[in-house]
C-alpha cells in the first residue's frame, strides 16, 4: 500500500508544477501586454497615403491599448498596408518601449493605360494600377492579344526621346515620340535600333530584325 500511495503522489505532483508554470507564464505575458503599452507611432515616407490611412492599414489605429502591448506588435500586423497598391515597401521598427516607426516607400505613376473598355488608368513602373493617381506619362493603348508589358518596356526604354504614345496591335508596336515615330514587329529589334530616330527626326521609321526603313 505504501508503494502504491507514493506512486500516486509522483503522478499527481507534476500536474501542480505544470499548472504553476502556466500561471506564471500567463502572468508574465499579461504584464508585458499592459506593462509595455503602445503609446506613440511615427509614420514617414508617405505622400499619397495619409498618415491616418497608413496607421489604419498597419493596425495601429488608436486607442493603442486595445491593440496589444508594444512587444506584441510585429511586421505581420502590417499585411494590409503591404497589399495596398500604392505601397512598394514597408519597414516596421520598435525604436524604444512604447514607440513604433512605420516607414513606407510608395509607388509612383509613370504611364497611362487605356484599358479595353476605354477607361484610362495610371500605372507604376512595375505595372501596378494606382487608383486615384494623377494622370501622367505616355499613353499606352492597343487591341488584340495583350502586349501591355512590351508597351511598358518600350516606353521606359525610349524615355529620353520624349515618348507620347505607345500603341500595340497584333502586328507590332508603334511608338510616337517628340522626335518621330517608330514601328516594329520585333521587340528586340525595336530596342536595338531605336536610336536611329535621332538620325531621322520627324520621320516614321520601320524597324525589322535585319534593318530599318525610313518613311516621310
C-alpha atoms as a PDB file:
ATOM      1  CA  UNK A   1       0.000   0.000   0.000  1.00  0.00           C
ATOM      2  CA  UNK A   2       2.819   2.427   0.842  1.00  0.00           C
ATOM      3  CA  UNK A   3       4.380   1.875  -2.524  1.00  0.00           C
ATOM      4  CA  UNK A   4       1.056   2.462  -4.233  1.00  0.00           C
ATOM      5  CA  UNK A   5       0.474   5.785  -2.409  1.00  0.00           C
ATOM      6  CA  UNK A   6       3.943   7.006  -3.218  1.00  0.00           C
ATOM      7  CA  UNK A   7       3.338   6.176  -6.858  1.00  0.00           C
ATOM      8  CA  UNK A   8       0.128   8.199  -6.845  1.00  0.00           C
ATOM      9  CA  UNK A   9       1.888  11.206  -5.359  1.00  0.00           C
ATOM     10  CA  UNK A  10       4.551  11.028  -8.019  1.00  0.00           C
ATOM     11  CA  UNK A  11       1.897  11.019 -10.687  1.00  0.00           C
ATOM     12  CA  UNK A  12      -0.032  13.959  -9.209  1.00  0.00           C
ATOM     13  CA  UNK A  13       2.906  16.236  -8.288  1.00  0.00           C
ATOM     14  CA  UNK A  14       3.968  17.096 -11.873  1.00  0.00           C
ATOM     15  CA  UNK A  15       0.437  18.332 -12.619  1.00  0.00           C
ATOM     16  CA  UNK A  16       0.762  21.025  -9.951  1.00  0.00           C
ATOM     17  CA  UNK A  17       4.118  22.085 -11.348  1.00  0.00           C
ATOM     18  CA  UNK A  18       2.606  22.402 -14.819  1.00  0.00           C
ATOM     19  CA  UNK A  19      -0.314  24.449 -13.507  1.00  0.00           C
ATOM     20  CA  UNK A  20       2.009  26.722 -11.553  1.00  0.00           C
ATOM     21  CA  UNK A  21       4.269  27.241 -14.574  1.00  0.00           C
ATOM     22  CA  UNK A  22       1.238  28.031 -16.740  1.00  0.00           C
ATOM     23  CA  UNK A  23       0.004  30.636 -14.265  1.00  0.00           C
ATOM     24  CA  UNK A  24       3.440  32.255 -14.127  1.00  0.00           C
ATOM     25  CA  UNK A  25       3.746  32.369 -17.910  1.00  0.00           C
ATOM     26  CA  UNK A  26       0.264  33.832 -18.338  1.00  0.00           C
ATOM     27  CA  UNK A  27       1.007  36.396 -15.674  1.00  0.00           C
ATOM     28  CA  UNK A  28       4.261  37.366 -17.332  1.00  0.00           C
ATOM     29  CA  UNK A  29       2.588  37.753 -20.714  1.00  0.00           C
ATOM     30  CA  UNK A  30      -0.177  39.852 -19.205  1.00  0.00           C
ATOM     31  CA  UNK A  31       2.456  42.019 -17.547  1.00  0.00           C
ATOM     32  CA  UNK A  32       4.205  42.581 -20.855  1.00  0.00           C
ATOM     33  CA  UNK A  33       0.860  43.307 -22.507  1.00  0.00           C
ATOM     34  CA  UNK A  34      -0.120  46.029 -20.050  1.00  0.00           C
ATOM     35  CA  UNK A  35       3.325  46.978 -18.750  1.00  0.00           C
ATOM     36  CA  UNK A  36       4.660  47.972 -22.166  1.00  0.00           C
ATOM     37  CA  UNK A  37       1.702  49.614 -23.915  1.00  0.00           C
ATOM     38  CA  UNK A  38       1.977  51.018 -27.416  1.00  0.00           C
ATOM     39  CA  UNK A  39       1.887  54.772 -26.910  1.00  0.00           C
ATOM     40  CA  UNK A  40       3.290  56.512 -29.971  1.00  0.00           C
ATOM     41  CA  UNK A  41       3.517  55.803 -33.711  1.00  0.00           C
ATOM     42  CA  UNK A  42       5.692  57.653 -36.226  1.00  0.00           C
ATOM     43  CA  UNK A  43       4.981  57.374 -39.954  1.00  0.00           C
ATOM     44  CA  UNK A  44       7.230  58.664 -42.700  1.00  0.00           C
ATOM     45  CA  UNK A  45       7.823  58.204 -46.433  1.00  0.00           C
ATOM     46  CA  UNK A  46       4.139  58.614 -47.286  1.00  0.00           C
ATOM     47  CA  UNK A  47       2.938  61.232 -49.749  1.00  0.00           C
ATOM     48  CA  UNK A  48      -0.085  59.727 -51.472  1.00  0.00           C
ATOM     49  CA  UNK A  49      -1.432  57.878 -48.439  1.00  0.00           C
ATOM     50  CA  UNK A  50      -2.333  59.942 -45.393  1.00  0.00           C
ATOM     51  CA  UNK A  51      -0.730  59.143 -42.053  1.00  0.00           C
ATOM     52  CA  UNK A  52      -4.130  58.141 -40.694  1.00  0.00           C
ATOM     53  CA  UNK A  53      -4.621  55.717 -43.588  1.00  0.00           C
ATOM     54  CA  UNK A  54      -1.170  54.190 -43.105  1.00  0.00           C
ATOM     55  CA  UNK A  55      -1.878  53.654 -39.407  1.00  0.00           C
ATOM     56  CA  UNK A  56      -5.253  52.110 -40.167  1.00  0.00           C
ATOM     57  CA  UNK A  57      -3.817  49.667 -42.687  1.00  0.00           C
ATOM     58  CA  UNK A  58      -0.959  48.826 -40.320  1.00  0.00           C
ATOM     59  CA  UNK A  59      -3.365  48.006 -37.487  1.00  0.00           C
ATOM     60  CA  UNK A  60      -2.116  50.934 -35.411  1.00  0.00           C
ATOM     61  CA  UNK A  61      -5.310  52.941 -35.031  1.00  0.00           C
ATOM     62  CA  UNK A  62      -5.785  54.402 -31.537  1.00  0.00           C
ATOM     63  CA  UNK A  63      -6.636  53.577 -28.825  1.00  0.00           C
ATOM     64  CA  UNK A  64      -3.462  51.528 -28.839  1.00  0.00           C
ATOM     65  CA  UNK A  65      -4.314  49.799 -25.595  1.00  0.00           C
ATOM     66  CA  UNK A  66      -6.959  47.711 -27.340  1.00  0.00           C
ATOM     67  CA  UNK A  67      -4.391  46.531 -29.909  1.00  0.00           C
ATOM     68  CA  UNK A  68      -1.986  44.854 -27.530  1.00  0.00           C
ATOM     69  CA  UNK A  69       1.333  45.702 -25.998  1.00  0.00           C
ATOM     70  CA  UNK A  70       4.372  47.197 -27.681  1.00  0.00           C
ATOM     71  CA  UNK A  71       6.239  43.881 -27.632  1.00  0.00           C
ATOM     72  CA  UNK A  72       3.400  42.172 -29.482  1.00  0.00           C
ATOM     73  CA  UNK A  73       3.364  44.453 -32.492  1.00  0.00           C
ATOM     74  CA  UNK A  74       5.192  42.827 -35.387  1.00  0.00           C
ATOM     75  CA  UNK A  75       5.587  43.279 -39.120  1.00  0.00           C
ATOM     76  CA  UNK A  76       2.873  40.684 -39.715  1.00  0.00           C
ATOM     77  CA  UNK A  77       0.316  43.215 -38.473  1.00  0.00           C
ATOM     78  CA  UNK A  78       1.101  45.424 -41.487  1.00  0.00           C
ATOM     79  CA  UNK A  79      -0.050  42.890 -44.097  1.00  0.00           C
ATOM     80  CA  UNK A  80      -2.929  45.111 -45.253  1.00  0.00           C
ATOM     81  CA  UNK A  81      -0.524  48.025 -45.658  1.00  0.00           C
ATOM     82  CA  UNK A  82       1.827  45.928 -47.795  1.00  0.00           C
ATOM     83  CA  UNK A  83      -1.083  44.887 -50.001  1.00  0.00           C
ATOM     84  CA  UNK A  84      -2.101  48.460 -50.790  1.00  0.00           C
ATOM     85  CA  UNK A  85      -1.289  49.181 -54.467  1.00  0.00           C
ATOM     86  CA  UNK A  86       0.439  52.462 -53.570  1.00  0.00           C
ATOM     87  CA  UNK A  87       2.880  50.754 -51.209  1.00  0.00           C
ATOM     88  CA  UNK A  88       6.045  49.253 -52.638  1.00  0.00           C
ATOM     89  CA  UNK A  89       7.886  48.510 -49.376  1.00  0.00           C
ATOM     90  CA  UNK A  90       7.185  48.674 -45.638  1.00  0.00           C
ATOM     91  CA  UNK A  91       9.660  48.723 -42.767  1.00  0.00           C
ATOM     92  CA  UNK A  92       8.463  48.375 -39.163  1.00  0.00           C
ATOM     93  CA  UNK A  93      10.745  49.315 -36.262  1.00  0.00           C
ATOM     94  CA  UNK A  94      10.281  49.266 -32.496  1.00  0.00           C
ATOM     95  CA  UNK A  95      12.638  52.099 -31.661  1.00  0.00           C
ATOM     96  CA  UNK A  96      12.151  52.051 -27.878  1.00  0.00           C
ATOM     97  CA  UNK A  97       9.498  50.895 -25.403  1.00  0.00           C
ATOM     98  CA  UNK A  98       6.079  52.186 -26.376  1.00  0.00           C
ATOM     99  CA  UNK A  99       7.138  53.571 -29.772  1.00  0.00           C
ATOM    100  CA  UNK A 100       6.728  52.082 -33.246  1.00  0.00           C
ATOM    101  CA  UNK A 101       8.013  53.514 -36.513  1.00  0.00           C
ATOM    102  CA  UNK A 102       6.451  52.786 -39.905  1.00  0.00           C
ATOM    103  CA  UNK A 103       8.477  53.701 -42.981  1.00  0.00           C
ATOM    104  CA  UNK A 104       6.938  53.158 -46.390  1.00  0.00           C
ATOM    105  CA  UNK A 105       8.127  53.519 -49.947  1.00  0.00           C
ATOM    106  CA  UNK A 106       5.331  54.442 -52.318  1.00  0.00           C
ATOM    107  CA  UNK A 107       4.916  53.644 -55.985  1.00  0.00           C
ATOM    108  CA  UNK A 108       4.653  56.497 -58.471  1.00  0.00           C
ATOM    109  CA  UNK A 109       2.614  56.761 -61.688  1.00  0.00           C
ATOM    110  CA  UNK A 110       4.808  56.699 -64.793  1.00  0.00           C
ATOM    111  CA  UNK A 111       2.449  55.861 -67.676  1.00  0.00           C
ATOM    112  CA  UNK A 112      -1.246  55.848 -68.550  1.00  0.00           C
ATOM    113  CA  UNK A 113      -3.006  52.785 -69.927  1.00  0.00           C
ATOM    114  CA  UNK A 114      -6.255  52.818 -71.864  1.00  0.00           C
ATOM    115  CA  UNK A 115      -7.962  49.600 -70.869  1.00  0.00           C
ATOM    116  CA  UNK A 116     -10.066  47.581 -73.348  1.00  0.00           C
ATOM    117  CA  UNK A 117     -13.230  49.230 -72.014  1.00  0.00           C
ATOM    118  CA  UNK A 118     -11.788  52.680 -72.794  1.00  0.00           C
ATOM    119  CA  UNK A 119     -11.114  53.621 -69.183  1.00  0.00           C
ATOM    120  CA  UNK A 120      -7.684  55.207 -68.639  1.00  0.00           C
ATOM    121  CA  UNK A 121      -5.739  54.282 -65.501  1.00  0.00           C
ATOM    122  CA  UNK A 122      -2.287  55.166 -64.194  1.00  0.00           C
ATOM    123  CA  UNK A 123       0.402  52.501 -63.855  1.00  0.00           C
ATOM    124  CA  UNK A 124       3.508  52.322 -61.711  1.00  0.00           C
ATOM    125  CA  UNK A 125       6.813  51.222 -63.185  1.00  0.00           C
ATOM    126  CA  UNK A 126       6.079  47.596 -62.241  1.00  0.00           C
ATOM    127  CA  UNK A 127       2.645  47.681 -63.911  1.00  0.00           C
ATOM    128  CA  UNK A 128       0.571  48.092 -60.741  1.00  0.00           C
ATOM    129  CA  UNK A 129      -2.633  50.071 -61.265  1.00  0.00           C
ATOM    130  CA  UNK A 130      -2.641  53.101 -58.950  1.00  0.00           C
ATOM    131  CA  UNK A 131      -6.198  54.127 -58.049  1.00  0.00           C
ATOM    132  CA  UNK A 132      -6.820  57.859 -57.942  1.00  0.00           C
ATOM    133  CA  UNK A 133      -3.407  58.769 -59.344  1.00  0.00           C
ATOM    134  CA  UNK A 134      -2.948  61.987 -61.279  1.00  0.00           C
ATOM    135  CA  UNK A 135      -2.607  61.003 -64.975  1.00  0.00           C
ATOM    136  CA  UNK A 136       0.959  61.386 -66.134  1.00  0.00           C
ATOM    137  CA  UNK A 137       3.386  59.969 -68.681  1.00  0.00           C
ATOM    138  CA  UNK A 138       2.853  58.472 -72.126  1.00  0.00           C
ATOM    139  CA  UNK A 139      -0.397  56.778 -73.082  1.00  0.00           C
ATOM    140  CA  UNK A 140      -0.367  53.033 -73.754  1.00  0.00           C
ATOM    141  CA  UNK A 141      -3.203  51.820 -75.941  1.00  0.00           C
ATOM    142  CA  UNK A 142      -3.845  48.786 -78.083  1.00  0.00           C
ATOM    143  CA  UNK A 143      -6.035  45.928 -79.191  1.00  0.00           C
ATOM    144  CA  UNK A 144      -5.763  42.240 -79.903  1.00  0.00           C
ATOM    145  CA  UNK A 145      -3.553  39.966 -77.783  1.00  0.00           C
ATOM    146  CA  UNK A 146      -2.413  41.997 -74.799  1.00  0.00           C
ATOM    147  CA  UNK A 147       1.097  43.341 -75.177  1.00  0.00           C
ATOM    148  CA  UNK A 148       0.987  45.714 -72.243  1.00  0.00           C
ATOM    149  CA  UNK A 149       4.295  44.540 -70.799  1.00  0.00           C
ATOM    150  CA  UNK A 150       6.062  45.100 -74.114  1.00  0.00           C
ATOM    151  CA  UNK A 151       4.457  48.534 -74.436  1.00  0.00           C
ATOM    152  CA  UNK A 152       5.622  49.499 -70.941  1.00  0.00           C
ATOM    153  CA  UNK A 153       9.102  48.258 -71.742  1.00  0.00           C
ATOM    154  CA  UNK A 154       9.216  50.323 -74.930  1.00  0.00           C
ATOM    155  CA  UNK A 155       8.007  53.463 -73.147  1.00  0.00           C
ATOM    156  CA  UNK A 156      10.616  53.002 -70.425  1.00  0.00           C
ATOM    157  CA  UNK A 157      13.493  52.278 -72.832  1.00  0.00           C
ATOM    158  CA  UNK A 158      12.721  55.282 -75.057  1.00  0.00           C
ATOM    159  CA  UNK A 159      12.049  57.830 -72.319  1.00  0.00           C
ATOM    160  CA  UNK A 160      14.907  60.081 -73.475  1.00  0.00           C
ATOM    161  CA  UNK A 161      13.172  60.581 -76.829  1.00  0.00           C
ATOM    162  CA  UNK A 162      10.031  62.038 -75.232  1.00  0.00           C
ATOM    163  CA  UNK A 163       7.565  59.173 -75.710  1.00  0.00           C
ATOM    164  CA  UNK A 164       4.000  60.397 -76.193  1.00  0.00           C
ATOM    165  CA  UNK A 165       2.072  57.229 -77.049  1.00  0.00           C
ATOM    166  CA  UNK A 166       2.774  53.532 -77.441  1.00  0.00           C
ATOM    167  CA  UNK A 167       0.205  51.617 -79.486  1.00  0.00           C
ATOM    168  CA  UNK A 168       0.260  47.823 -79.716  1.00  0.00           C
ATOM    169  CA  UNK A 169      -1.573  45.650 -82.268  1.00  0.00           C
ATOM    170  CA  UNK A 170      -1.213  42.022 -83.355  1.00  0.00           C
ATOM    171  CA  UNK A 171       1.352  43.148 -85.951  1.00  0.00           C
ATOM    172  CA  UNK A 172       3.644  45.154 -83.716  1.00  0.00           C
ATOM    173  CA  UNK A 173       4.276  48.224 -81.590  1.00  0.00           C
ATOM    174  CA  UNK A 174       4.179  51.860 -82.706  1.00  0.00           C
ATOM    175  CA  UNK A 175       5.978  54.414 -80.558  1.00  0.00           C
ATOM    176  CA  UNK A 176       5.229  58.071 -81.171  1.00  0.00           C
ATOM    177  CA  UNK A 177       7.832  60.429 -79.719  1.00  0.00           C
ATOM    178  CA  UNK A 178       8.677  64.108 -79.850  1.00  0.00           C
ATOM    179  CA  UNK A 179      11.422  63.227 -82.339  1.00  0.00           C
ATOM    180  CA  UNK A 180       9.432  60.958 -84.662  1.00  0.00           C
ATOM    181  CA  UNK A 181       7.625  57.631 -84.895  1.00  0.00           C
ATOM    182  CA  UNK A 182       8.957  54.090 -84.613  1.00  0.00           C
ATOM    183  CA  UNK A 183       7.279  50.831 -85.554  1.00  0.00           C
ATOM    184  CA  UNK A 184       8.475  47.275 -85.166  1.00  0.00           C
ATOM    185  CA  UNK A 185       7.003  43.817 -85.002  1.00  0.00           C
ATOM    186  CA  UNK A 186      10.006  42.607 -83.026  1.00  0.00           C
ATOM    187  CA  UNK A 187      10.667  43.978 -79.548  1.00  0.00           C
ATOM    188  CA  UNK A 188      14.368  43.154 -79.535  1.00  0.00           C
ATOM    189  CA  UNK A 189      14.862  44.913 -82.884  1.00  0.00           C
ATOM    190  CA  UNK A 190      12.906  47.939 -81.664  1.00  0.00           C
ATOM    191  CA  UNK A 191      15.156  48.361 -78.653  1.00  0.00           C
ATOM    192  CA  UNK A 192      18.300  47.701 -80.680  1.00  0.00           C
ATOM    193  CA  UNK A 193      17.660  50.246 -83.444  1.00  0.00           C
ATOM    194  CA  UNK A 194      15.557  52.822 -81.590  1.00  0.00           C
ATOM    195  CA  UNK A 195      18.490  55.224 -81.579  1.00  0.00           C
ATOM    196  CA  UNK A 196      18.073  55.693 -85.312  1.00  0.00           C
ATOM    197  CA  UNK A 197      15.179  58.056 -84.566  1.00  0.00           C
ATOM    198  CA  UNK A 198      17.714  60.760 -83.715  1.00  0.00           C
ATOM    199  CA  UNK A 199      19.235  60.376 -87.194  1.00  0.00           C
ATOM    200  CA  UNK A 200      15.908  60.919 -88.973  1.00  0.00           C
ATOM    201  CA  UNK A 201      13.936  63.482 -86.915  1.00  0.00           C
ATOM    202  CA  UNK A 202      10.286  63.846 -87.763  1.00  0.00           C
ATOM    203  CA  UNK A 203      10.221  60.631 -89.818  1.00  0.00           C
ATOM    204  CA  UNK A 204       8.445  57.313 -89.422  1.00  0.00           C
ATOM    205  CA  UNK A 205      10.953  54.525 -89.024  1.00  0.00           C
ATOM    206  CA  UNK A 206      10.006  50.890 -89.531  1.00  0.00           C
ATOM    207  CA  UNK A 207      12.386  48.575 -87.726  1.00  0.00           C
ATOM    208  CA  UNK A 208      12.930  44.971 -88.777  1.00  0.00           C
ATOM    209  CA  UNK A 209      15.332  42.363 -87.422  1.00  0.00           C
ATOM    210  CA  UNK A 210      17.519  42.921 -90.486  1.00  0.00           C
ATOM    211  CA  UNK A 211      17.479  46.737 -90.546  1.00  0.00           C
ATOM    212  CA  UNK A 212      15.353  49.862 -90.837  1.00  0.00           C
ATOM    213  CA  UNK A 213      13.371  51.741 -93.423  1.00  0.00           C
ATOM    214  CA  UNK A 214      12.571  55.436 -93.286  1.00  0.00           C
ATOM    215  CA  UNK A 215       9.273  56.940 -94.468  1.00  0.00           C
ATOM    216  CA  UNK A 216       8.190  60.540 -94.833  1.00  0.00           C
END
